Amino acid sequence: MTIKRLLVATAALFGLALSACAAPVATTVADAPPVDAVSGPALWQLADEDTTIYLFGTVHVLPDGIEWYDQRIARAFEASDVLVTEVDVGDQAAMASYIAGAAALESGQTLRGLMADDSRVKYEAALTVLGLPVNALDSYEPWFAALNLSVLPLLQAGYNPTTGVEMALAARAAGKQRDELETIEQQIGLFDGMAMEYQLTYLDATVEGMDEVVPMVNEMVSVWLQGDAVRLAEIMNSEMDDDYLYNRLLIDRNTTWVQWIERRMEQPGTVFLAVGAGHLAGAGSVQDQLEQRGHTVTRIWK
């Protein structure tokens, strides 16, 4: 099962605010992702006579100094009455508290006690590389450890959730209405609801791919800055052959969001909808599903 690219992308592109409760690590300043020709992140529009919904793909954690808020995005955002994100990013403390509670193992269990011997050895080595004690996440379920092992290398390399796109948009959203597509309970349920056996498989795959996290996300951010949604989809999906996780994290959620968008199109106004860039790239994306349902989605180039 080769699911590493989707797992690596989860924290950076798909929107769990795991960094709010990640284990502490020493950080360094990340080099900006290499960019050959910056044209700006992709932006789309769905509109009828009295309603416009802008679709903007985000990256949830970024290095400092990444410039992405160009004139196209500014015009669309400033014209919008409502900012819609995946979840409410306003109360990070409450979010961290809920995630930690949901991730806690039952009394008497330990994470490493649930793991096979060979998996535990590799997992302990991965924590050591990150500068953490091997028992750092013993009281948590495997999905939480897996997400930590996806996001901690990014934080250690200087990626910063406070400079992520959602946080930047929220800071500019004074006077706008706010809405969310999911609750934090729904988002965490995507992982917490997985059977323990699958959670352990997920953790094993994450450990195997941990060395790839920073270079892969650097590449993804570079492609995102270039507005190349086709290439972004290729990078993320090139090793995907696990339909269960792919549908659970991506396609099924896109379908639910498309239904939300269709309902919102029945109300007048202008909406800026900002979701992880992986949801707006490739087959099964939000735009792809909208077009399959008869809607016209237009890319805004300038």
Protein backbone atom coordinates (compact mmCIF):
# COMPACT_ATOMS: atom_id res chain seq x y z
CA MET A 1 0.00 0.00 0.00
CA THR A 2 1.64 3.23 -1.14
CA ILE A 3 -0.30 6.09 0.41
CA LYS A 4 2.61 8.25 1.53
CA ARG A 5 1.97 11.31 -0.63
CA LEU A 6 -1.58 11.77 0.60
CA LEU A 7 -0.46 11.24 4.18
CA VAL A 8 2.38 13.73 3.83
CA ALA A 9 0.04 16.29 2.30
CA THR A 10 -2.61 15.93 5.00
CA ALA A 11 -1.28 18.50 7.45
CA ALA A 12 -0.07 21.01 4.86
CA LEU A 13 -2.91 20.86 2.37
CA PHE A 14 -5.96 19.24 3.95
CA GLY A 15 -6.63 21.31 7.02
CA LEU A 16 -6.33 19.65 10.39
CA ALA A 17 -4.98 22.23 12.80
CA LEU A 18 -2.79 19.58 14.36
CA SER A 19 0.03 22.03 14.89
CA ALA A 20 -1.99 23.51 17.74
CA CYS A 21 -1.32 20.41 19.84
CA ALA A 22 1.75 18.87 18.24
CA ALA A 23 4.59 17.70 20.43
CA PRO A 24 7.27 20.41 20.89
CA VAL A 25 10.33 20.28 18.64
CA ALA A 26 13.31 22.52 18.03
CA THR A 27 12.80 24.63 14.92
CA THR A 28 14.99 26.06 12.22
CA VAL A 29 14.21 28.57 9.51
CA ALA A 30 13.07 26.89 6.33
CA ASP A 31 14.28 27.94 2.93
CA ALA A 32 11.44 29.15 0.73
CA PRO A 33 10.25 26.43 -1.65
CA PRO A 34 11.89 26.77 -5.07
CA VAL A 35 9.74 28.61 -7.58
CA ASP A 36 10.60 28.72 -11.26
CA ALA A 37 7.86 31.01 -12.47
CA VAL A 38 5.39 32.42 -9.98
CA SER A 39 1.94 33.09 -11.43
CA GLY A 40 0.02 32.92 -8.16
CA PRO A 41 -2.14 30.26 -6.51
CA ALA A 42 -5.14 29.08 -8.52
CA LEU A 43 -8.48 30.83 -8.04
CA TRP A 44 -11.84 29.82 -9.53
CA GLN A 45 -15.31 31.36 -9.72
CA LEU A 46 -18.82 29.94 -9.80
CA ALA A 47 -21.49 32.56 -10.47
CA ASP A 48 -25.10 33.18 -11.50
CA GLU A 49 -27.26 36.32 -11.64
CA ASP A 50 -27.01 37.22 -7.95
CA THR A 51 -24.46 34.86 -6.38
CA THR A 52 -20.70 34.48 -6.76
CA ILE A 53 -18.59 31.88 -4.97
CA TYR A 54 -14.81 32.08 -5.29
CA LEU A 55 -12.93 28.82 -4.80
CA PHE A 56 -9.40 29.21 -3.45
CA GLY A 57 -7.03 26.38 -2.61
CA THR A 58 -4.93 26.94 0.51
CA VAL A 59 -1.86 25.62 2.28
CA HIS A 60 -2.39 25.47 6.03
CA VAL A 61 1.22 25.89 7.11
CA LEU A 62 3.85 27.93 5.25
CA PRO A 63 7.37 29.21 5.82
CA ASP A 64 7.65 32.87 6.73
CA GLY A 65 8.02 35.27 3.83
CA ILE A 66 5.90 33.44 1.22
CA GLU A 67 4.00 36.03 -0.82
CA TRP A 68 0.75 34.65 -2.24
CA TYR A 69 -1.89 37.37 -1.69
CA ASP A 70 -1.80 38.88 -5.18
CA GLN A 71 -4.18 41.32 -6.86
CA ARG A 72 -6.54 38.61 -8.16
CA ILE A 73 -6.98 37.12 -4.72
CA ALA A 74 -7.26 40.52 -3.05
CA ARG A 75 -10.01 41.67 -5.44
CA ALA A 76 -12.02 38.50 -4.91
CA PHE A 77 -11.56 38.51 -1.16
CA GLU A 78 -12.37 42.18 -0.69
CA ALA A 79 -15.50 41.83 -2.83
CA SER A 80 -16.77 38.93 -0.73
CA ASP A 81 -19.29 39.27 2.08
CA VAL A 82 -18.51 35.88 3.63
CA LEU A 83 -15.32 33.91 4.31
CA VAL A 84 -15.86 30.14 4.41
CA THR A 85 -13.13 27.77 5.62
CA GLU A 86 -13.03 24.05 6.35
CA VAL A 87 -13.27 24.55 10.12
CA ASP A 88 -13.34 27.49 12.53
CA VAL A 89 -9.68 28.45 12.92
CA GLY A 90 -10.40 31.13 15.50
CA ASP A 91 -10.07 29.23 18.78
CA GLN A 92 -6.83 27.26 18.53
CA ALA A 93 -6.77 26.44 22.25
CA ALA A 94 -10.23 24.86 22.18
CA MET A 95 -9.33 22.98 19.02
CA ALA A 96 -6.13 21.61 20.56
CA SER A 97 -8.00 20.54 23.70
CA TYR A 98 -10.63 18.68 21.70
CA ILE A 99 -8.07 16.94 19.48
CA ALA A 100 -5.99 15.80 22.45
CA GLY A 101 -9.07 14.44 24.20
CA ALA A 102 -10.33 12.60 21.14
CA ALA A 103 -6.90 11.08 20.53
CA ALA A 104 -6.38 9.72 24.04
CA LEU A 105 -6.07 5.97 24.36
CA GLU A 106 -8.17 4.05 26.86
CA SER A 107 -6.67 3.65 30.31
CA GLY A 108 -4.15 0.83 30.44
CA GLN A 109 -3.22 1.02 26.75
CA THR A 110 -0.09 2.50 25.21
CA LEU A 111 0.59 3.25 21.59
CA ARG A 112 3.81 1.29 21.43
CA GLY A 113 2.09 -1.60 23.18
CA LEU A 114 -0.33 -1.81 20.25
CA MET A 115 2.42 -1.97 17.64
CA ALA A 116 4.18 -4.97 16.13
CA ASP A 117 7.83 -5.27 17.13
CA ASP A 118 9.33 -4.22 13.78
CA SER A 119 6.91 -1.29 13.47
CA ARG A 120 7.73 -0.13 17.00
CA VAL A 121 11.48 -0.12 16.31
CA LYS A 122 11.04 2.05 13.22
CA TYR A 123 8.60 4.34 15.03
CA GLU A 124 10.98 4.86 17.95
CA ALA A 125 13.78 5.67 15.52
CA ALA A 126 11.57 8.27 13.84
CA LEU A 127 10.80 9.98 17.17
CA THR A 128 14.49 10.00 18.02
CA VAL A 129 15.27 11.75 14.73
CA LEU A 130 12.75 14.43 15.70
CA GLY A 131 14.43 14.85 19.08
CA LEU A 132 11.55 13.37 21.04
CA PRO A 133 11.59 10.68 23.72
CA VAL A 134 10.27 7.37 22.42
CA ASN A 135 7.34 7.52 24.88
CA ALA A 136 6.29 11.05 23.84
CA LEU A 137 3.02 9.94 22.23
CA ASP A 138 2.40 6.73 24.16
CA SER A 139 -0.94 7.89 25.53
CA TYR A 140 -2.40 8.70 22.11
CA GLU A 141 -4.05 6.72 19.34
CA PRO A 142 -2.08 5.82 16.19
CA TRP A 143 -3.82 8.37 13.95
CA PHE A 144 -2.68 11.20 16.21
CA ALA A 145 0.89 9.95 16.20
CA ALA A 146 0.74 9.62 12.41
CA LEU A 147 -0.43 13.19 11.96
CA ASN A 148 2.24 14.42 14.37
CA LEU A 149 4.88 12.63 12.31
CA SER A 150 3.51 14.39 9.22
CA VAL A 151 3.44 17.89 10.69
CA LEU A 152 6.39 17.91 13.12
CA PRO A 153 9.07 17.76 10.41
CA LEU A 154 7.42 20.80 8.80
CA LEU A 155 7.37 22.74 12.06
CA GLN A 156 10.95 21.72 12.73
CA ALA A 157 11.94 23.00 9.29
CA GLY A 158 10.36 26.40 9.97
CA TYR A 159 6.88 25.98 8.51
CA ASN A 160 4.49 28.03 10.58
CA PRO A 161 0.71 27.63 11.04
CA THR A 162 0.37 31.32 11.96
CA THR A 163 1.50 32.26 8.44
CA GLY A 164 -0.76 29.68 6.79
CA VAL A 165 -3.38 30.91 4.38
CA GLU A 166 -6.45 30.47 6.59
CA MET A 167 -4.91 32.41 9.44
CA ALA A 168 -3.87 35.20 7.07
CA LEU A 169 -7.34 35.40 5.54
CA ALA A 170 -8.97 35.39 8.98
CA ALA A 171 -6.80 38.35 9.97
CA ARG A 172 -8.13 40.25 6.94
CA ALA A 173 -11.77 39.24 7.48
CA ALA A 174 -12.92 41.98 9.87
CA GLY A 175 -16.50 42.87 8.98
CA LYS A 176 -17.11 39.72 6.98
CA GLN A 177 -19.47 36.94 7.95
CA ARG A 178 -17.77 33.63 8.76
CA ASP A 179 -18.88 30.10 8.01
CA GLU A 180 -17.35 26.62 8.01
CA LEU A 181 -17.90 23.49 5.95
CA GLU A 182 -17.12 21.10 8.80
CA THR A 183 -16.90 21.05 12.56
CA ILE A 184 -13.65 20.08 14.25
CA GLU A 185 -15.53 17.00 15.54
CA GLN A 186 -16.28 15.95 11.95
CA GLN A 187 -12.73 16.53 10.79
CA ILE A 188 -11.16 14.63 13.66
CA GLY A 189 -13.75 11.90 13.20
CA LEU A 190 -12.24 11.15 9.79
CA PHE A 191 -9.22 9.77 11.65
CA ASP A 192 -10.59 8.85 15.06
CA GLY A 193 -13.31 6.78 13.39
CA MET A 194 -10.86 4.49 11.63
CA ALA A 195 -10.51 0.94 12.96
CA MET A 196 -7.43 0.46 15.14
CA GLU A 197 -5.90 -1.97 12.66
CA TYR A 198 -6.13 0.61 9.91
CA GLN A 199 -4.79 3.35 12.18
CA LEU A 200 -1.69 1.26 12.82
CA THR A 201 -1.22 0.68 9.09
CA TYR A 202 -1.58 4.41 8.59
CA LEU A 203 1.08 5.08 11.22
CA ASP A 204 3.46 2.54 9.64
CA ALA A 205 3.11 4.23 6.25
CA THR A 206 3.71 7.65 7.79
CA VAL A 207 6.88 6.47 9.52
CA GLU A 208 8.12 5.05 6.21
CA GLY A 209 7.52 8.39 4.47
CA MET A 210 8.69 10.80 7.18
CA ASP A 211 11.97 11.66 5.44
CA GLU A 212 9.98 12.77 2.41
CA VAL A 213 7.76 15.23 4.26
CA VAL A 214 9.73 18.47 3.95
CA PRO A 215 11.04 18.05 0.36
CA MET A 216 7.63 16.87 -0.82
CA VAL A 217 5.74 19.75 0.78
CA ASN A 218 8.36 22.18 -0.53
CA GLU A 219 7.58 20.88 -4.00
CA MET A 220 3.84 21.08 -3.40
CA VAL A 221 4.06 24.67 -2.16
CA SER A 222 6.18 25.62 -5.16
CA VAL A 223 3.62 24.12 -7.55
CA TRP A 224 0.77 25.75 -5.58
CA LEU A 225 2.45 29.16 -5.91
CA GLN A 226 2.71 28.61 -9.65
CA GLY A 227 -1.04 27.92 -9.82
CA ASP A 228 -0.45 24.54 -11.45
CA ALA A 229 -3.39 22.53 -10.13
CA VAL A 230 -2.79 19.75 -12.65
CA ARG A 231 0.76 19.18 -11.47
CA LEU A 232 -0.34 19.43 -7.82
CA ALA A 233 -2.83 16.62 -8.39
CA GLU A 234 -0.16 14.54 -10.11
CA ILE A 235 2.26 14.94 -7.20
CA MET A 236 -0.33 14.07 -4.58
CA ASN A 237 -1.90 11.14 -6.38
CA SER A 238 1.13 9.51 -7.99
CA GLU A 239 1.47 6.88 -5.25
CA MET A 240 -2.18 6.56 -4.29
CA ASP A 241 -3.66 3.10 -4.49
CA ASP A 242 -5.65 3.03 -1.26
CA ASP A 243 -9.23 3.86 -2.20
CA TYR A 244 -10.52 3.80 1.37
CA LEU A 245 -8.27 6.57 2.66
CA TYR A 246 -8.38 8.55 -0.59
CA ASN A 247 -12.17 8.63 -0.57
CA ARG A 248 -12.42 9.21 3.18
CA LEU A 249 -10.03 12.18 3.30
CA LEU A 250 -10.70 13.72 -0.08
CA ILE A 251 -13.41 12.61 -2.51
CA ASP A 252 -16.30 12.06 -0.10
CA ARG A 253 -15.66 15.39 1.58
CA ASN A 254 -15.54 17.11 -1.80
CA THR A 255 -18.97 15.65 -2.58
CA THR A 256 -20.40 17.01 0.67
CA TRP A 257 -18.89 20.43 0.00
CA VAL A 258 -20.31 20.50 -3.53
CA GLN A 259 -23.75 19.96 -2.06
CA TRP A 260 -23.11 22.86 0.35
CA ILE A 261 -22.04 25.07 -2.56
CA GLU A 262 -25.18 24.23 -4.53
CA ARG A 263 -27.36 25.18 -1.56
CA ARG A 264 -25.41 28.40 -1.06
CA MET A 265 -25.86 29.35 -4.73
CA GLU A 266 -29.59 29.67 -3.99
CA GLN A 267 -28.81 32.69 -1.76
CA PRO A 268 -27.60 36.03 -3.13
CA GLY A 269 -24.19 37.38 -2.19
CA THR A 270 -20.47 36.89 -2.71
CA VAL A 271 -18.57 34.13 -0.91
CA PHE A 272 -14.84 33.45 -0.64
CA LEU A 273 -14.43 29.72 0.01
CA ALA A 274 -10.91 28.72 1.08
CA VAL A 275 -10.12 25.01 1.44
CA GLY A 276 -7.00 22.86 1.22
CA ALA A 277 -5.54 22.99 -2.27
CA GLY A 278 -5.74 19.22 -2.61
CA HIS A 279 -9.52 19.50 -2.73
CA LEU A 280 -9.32 21.73 -5.82
CA ALA A 281 -6.93 19.62 -7.89
CA GLY A 282 -7.51 16.75 -10.28
CA ALA A 283 -10.24 14.20 -10.86
CA GLY A 284 -12.91 14.21 -8.18
CA SER A 285 -12.01 17.75 -7.08
CA VAL A 286 -14.69 20.23 -6.06
CA GLN A 287 -14.60 21.89 -9.48
CA ASP A 288 -14.64 18.56 -11.29
CA GLN A 289 -17.70 17.41 -9.37
CA LEU A 290 -19.46 20.76 -9.87
CA GLU A 291 -18.90 20.55 -13.62
CA GLN A 292 -20.17 16.96 -13.67
CA ARG A 293 -23.35 18.28 -12.06
CA GLY A 294 -23.81 20.87 -14.81
CA HIS A 295 -22.18 23.96 -13.30
CA THR A 296 -19.64 26.18 -15.04
CA VAL A 297 -16.51 26.89 -13.01
CA THR A 298 -14.17 29.56 -14.41
CA ARG A 299 -10.49 29.94 -13.63
CA ILE A 300 -9.49 33.54 -12.80
CA TRP A 301 -6.09 34.20 -14.33
CA LYS A 302 -5.57 37.93 -13.72
